[in-house]
Amino acid sequence: MSERKAQILMASVIIARSTAYLFSKTLLQTMDRFTVLANRFLLAFLLLCILFFRRMIRTAPRTLLRGMILGTVFFIVMSFELGALKTAETSTTSFLENTAIIYVPLLAALVSFRLPDRDAALRAVIAVTGIGIMTLNGAGFRFSPGELQALAAALFYAIVILLTGKFSHEDDPLQLGVIQIGTLGILSLGAAFLYETPRLPGSGTEWFCLAALVFVCTGFGFTLQPVAQKYLRPEQASIFCALGPVSATITGALILHEPITPCKLLGAALILGSILIPKELLCRHNTVSAKPAALRSHC
């Protein structure tokens, strides 16, 4: 796969997964958090095992272990995400969770024992400003529990992106995607038995939302992310998270009639700007300095 095709696939994956906010929020009105996750990921895992049976039975032990690691971290992400959706709007949850695009280069710098470059630092400042404007909305410096859970989901999602970037270059990415879904489903089912009363959907609306989560958001969105990241650097892959909040905001406004306030628009613009502003505008000294090579090491 060429890098261009990988970028298109990654963009499609993020857009498909962004619709999960809408369907999950609808299900959470009548079903518990871990019950939703268990139904979603176990049914998707069963479907994928049937489709890719011959490929999955050849899974190496190392790939199995790494898929389980990804699934465990993703379980933490999804637990925080659905907890946030209980009290926060879909657009706010999506924006905050996808600030993972800022954490990825910062965590990558931490792992490699180097300071983050100037470009990443400036984008982080712009993004944090946008988060504050969008979530505080004039109410003072206090985050609601739902918004705090969305920020926690963002941090662990950044870890998932970094781990996926490493593992997908060394193992079969499709096998990794399927195993992480199975792991996520098993952990969710265990949590549902511990804290809830698990059940299958009982109405047409619940089954419709679950089917959308299984086929579109999970079968396509989750499974193929490792495939796309095999041909992209983690920093490249994280940029496409910008498409998630945009899609979630549009669907939340059109279907759930969630308001789009001026503060939310301004915060969203700053967050997206932190991603989409060309690097040359953030590091203009690259083009005017007498020592471009030295400066490029910082930008």
Protein backbone atom coordinates (compact mmCIF):
# COMPACT_ATOMS: atom_id res chain seq x y z
CA MET A 1 0.00 0.00 0.00
CA SER A 2 1.31 3.46 -0.90
CA GLU A 3 1.48 6.22 1.70
CA ARG A 4 -1.30 8.12 -0.11
CA LYS A 5 -3.65 5.12 0.05
CA ALA A 6 -2.76 4.64 3.71
CA GLN A 7 -3.69 8.27 4.39
CA ILE A 8 -7.04 7.81 2.65
CA LEU A 9 -7.68 4.62 4.62
CA MET A 10 -6.75 6.32 7.91
CA ALA A 11 -9.07 9.24 7.15
CA SER A 12 -11.91 6.82 6.34
CA VAL A 13 -11.26 4.89 9.56
CA ILE A 14 -11.45 8.05 11.71
CA ILE A 15 -14.65 9.27 10.02
CA ALA A 16 -16.28 5.85 10.41
CA ARG A 17 -15.33 5.66 14.08
CA SER A 18 -16.56 9.19 14.77
CA THR A 19 -20.14 8.02 14.12
CA ALA A 20 -19.76 5.77 17.19
CA TYR A 21 -20.31 8.78 19.45
CA LEU A 22 -23.86 9.16 18.12
CA PHE A 23 -24.82 5.47 18.26
CA SER A 24 -23.14 4.92 21.63
CA LYS A 25 -24.87 7.93 23.20
CA THR A 26 -28.22 6.62 21.95
CA LEU A 27 -27.58 3.16 23.42
CA LEU A 28 -26.40 4.61 26.74
CA GLN A 29 -29.90 5.99 27.31
CA THR A 30 -31.20 2.44 27.87
CA MET A 31 -28.11 0.24 28.36
CA ASP A 32 -25.14 0.31 30.73
CA ARG A 33 -21.63 1.27 29.62
CA PHE A 34 -19.83 -2.07 29.76
CA THR A 35 -22.87 -3.93 28.41
CA VAL A 36 -22.74 -1.74 25.30
CA LEU A 37 -19.01 -2.39 24.89
CA ALA A 38 -19.35 -6.16 25.42
CA ASN A 39 -22.14 -6.49 22.83
CA ARG A 40 -20.32 -4.29 20.34
CA PHE A 41 -16.88 -5.84 20.43
CA LEU A 42 -17.76 -9.51 20.99
CA LEU A 43 -20.18 -9.51 18.04
CA ALA A 44 -17.60 -7.72 15.88
CA PHE A 45 -14.92 -10.22 16.95
CA LEU A 46 -17.16 -13.17 16.03
CA LEU A 47 -17.87 -11.64 12.62
CA LEU A 48 -14.19 -10.95 11.90
CA CYS A 49 -13.09 -14.44 12.99
CA ILE A 50 -15.55 -15.93 10.50
CA LEU A 51 -14.35 -13.65 7.70
CA PHE A 52 -10.62 -14.10 8.36
CA PHE A 53 -10.56 -17.57 9.91
CA ARG A 54 -7.65 -18.92 7.85
CA ARG A 55 -5.54 -15.87 8.52
CA MET A 56 -6.30 -15.78 12.24
CA ILE A 57 -5.36 -19.42 12.93
CA ARG A 58 -1.82 -18.57 11.76
CA THR A 59 -1.41 -15.87 14.43
CA ALA A 60 2.03 -15.92 16.05
CA PRO A 61 2.30 -15.88 19.87
CA ARG A 62 4.01 -12.46 19.80
CA THR A 63 1.22 -11.00 17.66
CA LEU A 64 -1.37 -12.48 20.02
CA LEU A 65 0.31 -10.86 23.02
CA ARG A 66 0.66 -7.49 21.33
CA GLY A 67 -2.95 -7.56 20.16
CA MET A 68 -4.01 -8.23 23.74
CA ILE A 69 -1.93 -5.26 24.93
CA LEU A 70 -3.60 -3.00 22.37
CA GLY A 71 -7.02 -4.32 23.34
CA THR A 72 -6.37 -3.69 27.03
CA VAL A 73 -5.31 -0.07 26.49
CA PHE A 74 -8.24 0.43 24.10
CA PHE A 75 -10.56 -0.93 26.81
CA ILE A 76 -9.41 1.91 29.05
CA VAL A 77 -9.99 4.40 26.21
CA MET A 78 -13.51 3.14 25.52
CA SER A 79 -14.44 3.00 29.21
CA PHE A 80 -13.52 6.67 29.63
CA GLU A 81 -15.20 7.56 26.33
CA LEU A 82 -18.56 6.06 27.22
CA GLY A 83 -18.31 7.50 30.72
CA ALA A 84 -17.86 10.93 29.16
CA LEU A 85 -20.82 10.43 26.80
CA LYS A 86 -23.08 9.83 29.81
CA THR A 87 -22.86 13.50 30.83
CA ALA A 88 -21.12 15.41 28.02
CA GLU A 89 -22.28 16.18 24.50
CA THR A 90 -20.98 14.09 21.61
CA SER A 91 -19.19 17.03 20.01
CA THR A 92 -17.41 18.00 23.25
CA THR A 93 -16.41 14.38 23.96
CA SER A 94 -15.09 13.95 20.42
CA PHE A 95 -13.06 17.17 20.49
CA LEU A 96 -11.48 16.44 23.85
CA GLU A 97 -10.72 12.80 23.10
CA ASN A 98 -9.08 13.68 19.82
CA THR A 99 -6.65 16.06 21.46
CA ALA A 100 -4.61 12.85 21.39
CA ILE A 101 -3.08 14.39 18.28
CA ILE A 102 -1.24 16.78 20.58
CA TYR A 103 -0.14 14.10 23.05
CA VAL A 104 1.33 11.79 20.40
CA PRO A 105 4.39 13.90 19.47
CA LEU A 106 4.92 14.87 23.12
CA LEU A 107 4.84 11.25 24.30
CA ALA A 108 7.05 10.22 21.38
CA ALA A 109 9.61 12.80 22.50
CA LEU A 110 9.40 11.51 26.09
CA VAL A 111 9.96 7.90 25.03
CA SER A 112 12.96 8.86 22.88
CA PHE A 113 14.47 10.95 25.73
CA ARG A 114 14.47 14.21 23.82
CA LEU A 115 12.69 17.52 24.18
CA PRO A 116 9.63 18.01 21.94
CA ASP A 117 10.39 20.19 18.96
CA ARG A 118 9.17 23.79 18.74
CA ASP A 119 6.43 22.89 16.28
CA ALA A 120 4.85 20.32 18.64
CA ALA A 121 5.10 22.68 21.63
CA LEU A 122 3.37 25.55 19.82
CA ARG A 123 0.58 23.28 18.60
CA ALA A 124 0.07 22.00 22.15
CA VAL A 125 -0.31 25.55 23.51
CA ILE A 126 -2.85 26.46 20.82
CA ALA A 127 -4.80 23.23 21.39
CA VAL A 128 -4.92 23.61 25.19
CA THR A 129 -6.21 27.18 24.76
CA GLY A 130 -8.93 25.88 22.47
CA ILE A 131 -9.88 23.14 24.94
CA GLY A 132 -10.26 25.72 27.70
CA ILE A 133 -12.44 28.06 25.65
CA MET A 134 -14.62 25.24 24.35
CA THR A 135 -15.20 23.38 27.61
CA LEU A 136 -15.22 26.18 30.18
CA ASN A 137 -17.71 28.27 28.15
CA GLY A 138 -17.42 31.17 30.60
CA ALA A 139 -18.13 29.00 33.64
CA GLY A 140 -14.71 29.30 35.28
CA PHE A 141 -11.77 26.94 35.53
CA ARG A 142 -13.65 23.72 36.25
CA PHE A 143 -14.06 20.62 34.10
CA SER A 144 -17.10 18.41 34.48
CA PRO A 145 -16.54 14.69 35.26
CA GLY A 146 -17.53 13.82 31.69
CA GLU A 147 -15.00 16.21 30.18
CA LEU A 148 -12.25 14.96 32.48
CA GLN A 149 -12.99 11.39 31.37
CA ALA A 150 -12.77 12.50 27.73
CA LEU A 151 -9.33 14.02 28.38
CA ALA A 152 -8.23 10.78 30.07
CA ALA A 153 -9.45 8.88 27.00
CA ALA A 154 -7.32 11.20 24.84
CA LEU A 155 -4.17 10.39 26.78
CA PHE A 156 -4.67 6.63 26.52
CA TYR A 157 -5.68 6.94 22.85
CA ALA A 158 -2.34 8.63 22.18
CA ILE A 159 -0.64 5.63 23.81
CA VAL A 160 -2.67 3.33 21.54
CA ILE A 161 -1.53 5.25 18.45
CA LEU A 162 2.12 4.98 19.46
CA LEU A 163 1.86 1.27 20.30
CA THR A 164 -0.05 0.54 17.10
CA GLY A 165 2.58 2.38 15.08
CA LYS A 166 5.32 0.19 16.55
CA PHE A 167 3.49 -3.16 16.50
CA SER A 168 1.95 -2.80 13.03
CA HIS A 169 5.42 -2.45 11.47
CA GLU A 170 6.58 -5.72 13.05
CA ASP A 171 3.43 -7.91 13.06
CA ASP A 172 0.43 -8.65 10.84
CA PRO A 173 -1.72 -5.50 11.26
CA LEU A 174 -5.02 -7.25 10.47
CA GLN A 175 -4.37 -9.92 13.09
CA LEU A 176 -3.52 -7.19 15.60
CA GLY A 177 -6.79 -5.40 14.84
CA VAL A 178 -8.93 -8.50 15.27
CA ILE A 179 -7.20 -9.63 18.48
CA GLN A 180 -7.50 -6.19 20.08
CA ILE A 181 -11.25 -6.24 19.38
CA GLY A 182 -11.61 -9.69 20.96
CA THR A 183 -9.61 -8.61 24.02
CA LEU A 184 -11.70 -5.47 24.37
CA GLY A 185 -14.90 -7.53 24.18
CA ILE A 186 -13.79 -10.05 26.82
CA LEU A 187 -12.67 -7.33 29.25
CA SER A 188 -15.95 -5.46 28.72
CA LEU A 189 -17.99 -8.60 29.38
CA GLY A 190 -16.09 -9.22 32.61
CA ALA A 191 -16.69 -5.63 33.74
CA ALA A 192 -20.38 -5.92 32.81
CA PHE A 193 -20.80 -8.99 35.03
CA LEU A 194 -18.96 -7.26 37.88
CA TYR A 195 -20.73 -3.89 37.81
CA GLU A 196 -23.88 -4.31 35.70
CA THR A 197 -26.49 -6.80 34.53
CA PRO A 198 -25.44 -7.64 30.95
CA ARG A 199 -28.13 -8.18 28.34
CA LEU A 200 -28.69 -8.17 24.60
CA PRO A 201 -30.51 -5.28 22.92
CA GLY A 202 -34.27 -5.50 23.37
CA SER A 203 -35.65 -3.05 20.81
CA GLY A 204 -35.28 -2.27 17.14
CA THR A 205 -33.53 1.02 17.90
CA GLU A 206 -30.98 -0.72 20.15
CA TRP A 207 -30.29 -3.40 17.54
CA PHE A 208 -29.90 -0.78 14.79
CA CYS A 209 -27.41 1.26 16.82
CA LEU A 210 -25.51 -1.88 17.82
CA ALA A 211 -25.37 -3.08 14.20
CA ALA A 212 -23.90 0.29 13.14
CA LEU A 213 -21.30 0.06 15.90
CA VAL A 214 -20.39 -3.52 14.96
CA PHE A 215 -20.14 -3.20 11.18
CA VAL A 216 -19.14 0.43 10.54
CA CYS A 217 -17.38 1.67 13.66
CA THR A 218 -15.70 -1.56 14.79
CA GLY A 219 -15.47 -4.02 11.91
CA PHE A 220 -14.12 -1.29 9.64
CA GLY A 221 -12.98 1.53 11.95
CA PHE A 222 -11.06 -0.42 14.58
CA THR A 223 -9.80 -3.36 12.55
CA LEU A 224 -8.20 -1.38 9.75
CA GLN A 225 -6.45 1.28 11.81
CA PRO A 226 -3.36 -0.94 12.32
CA VAL A 227 -3.38 -1.68 8.57
CA ALA A 228 -3.26 2.05 7.76
CA GLN A 229 -0.66 2.81 10.44
CA LYS A 230 1.70 0.20 9.03
CA TYR A 231 2.51 2.72 6.30
CA LEU A 232 2.39 5.92 8.39
CA ARG A 233 4.43 7.42 11.20
CA PRO A 234 2.47 7.84 14.49
CA GLU A 235 2.67 11.64 14.14
CA GLN A 236 1.16 11.37 10.66
CA ALA A 237 -1.61 9.04 11.80
CA SER A 238 -2.55 11.27 14.74
CA ILE A 239 -3.17 14.25 12.43
CA PHE A 240 -6.20 12.49 10.98
CA CYS A 241 -7.87 12.56 14.39
CA ALA A 242 -8.87 16.12 13.42
CA LEU A 243 -11.54 14.63 11.18
CA GLY A 244 -13.23 12.93 14.14
CA PRO A 245 -14.40 16.03 16.03
CA VAL A 246 -15.63 17.68 12.84
CA SER A 247 -17.71 14.66 11.89
CA ALA A 248 -19.02 14.14 15.43
CA THR A 249 -20.02 17.79 15.78
CA ILE A 250 -21.93 17.72 12.51
CA THR A 251 -23.80 14.49 13.31
CA GLY A 252 -24.48 15.63 16.89
CA ALA A 253 -25.99 18.90 15.66
CA LEU A 254 -28.01 17.37 12.82
CA ILE A 255 -29.36 14.27 14.58
CA LEU A 256 -29.22 14.96 18.33
CA HIS A 257 -29.85 18.71 17.90
CA GLU A 258 -26.93 19.61 20.14
CA PRO A 259 -26.24 23.35 20.14
CA ILE A 260 -23.12 24.77 18.54
CA THR A 261 -22.23 27.83 20.64
CA PRO A 262 -19.79 30.61 19.68
CA CYS A 263 -17.36 29.42 22.39
CA LYS A 264 -17.50 25.90 21.01
CA LEU A 265 -16.84 27.17 17.51
CA LEU A 266 -13.90 29.28 18.65
CA GLY A 267 -12.41 26.45 20.70
CA ALA A 268 -12.89 24.03 17.83
CA ALA A 269 -11.23 26.46 15.44
CA LEU A 270 -8.18 26.73 17.70
CA ILE A 271 -7.92 22.96 18.11
CA LEU A 272 -8.20 22.36 14.39
CA GLY A 273 -5.83 25.25 13.75
CA SER A 274 -3.23 23.63 16.00
CA ILE A 275 -3.34 20.66 13.64
CA LEU A 276 -3.81 22.24 10.25
CA ILE A 277 -1.62 25.38 10.41
CA PRO A 278 1.29 24.80 8.02
CA LYS A 279 4.56 24.15 9.77
CA GLU A 280 6.19 27.05 7.92
CA LEU A 281 3.84 29.53 9.65
CA LEU A 282 4.74 28.22 13.11
CA CYS A 283 8.46 28.14 12.38
CA ARG A 284 8.93 31.04 9.97
CA HIS A 285 12.56 31.52 11.01
CA ASN A 286 13.33 28.38 9.00
CA THR A 287 13.16 30.39 5.82
CA VAL A 288 14.86 33.59 6.97
CA SER A 289 17.62 32.46 9.30
CA ALA A 290 21.22 32.38 8.21
CA LYS A 291 21.52 29.00 9.91
CA PRO A 292 18.58 27.03 8.52
CA ALA A 293 20.08 23.60 9.17
CA ALA A 294 20.55 24.27 12.87
CA LEU A 295 17.09 25.72 13.27
CA ARG A 296 15.48 22.85 11.42
CA SER A 297 16.63 20.60 14.20
CA HIS A 298 14.24 22.50 16.51
CA CYS A 299 11.32 22.73 14.08
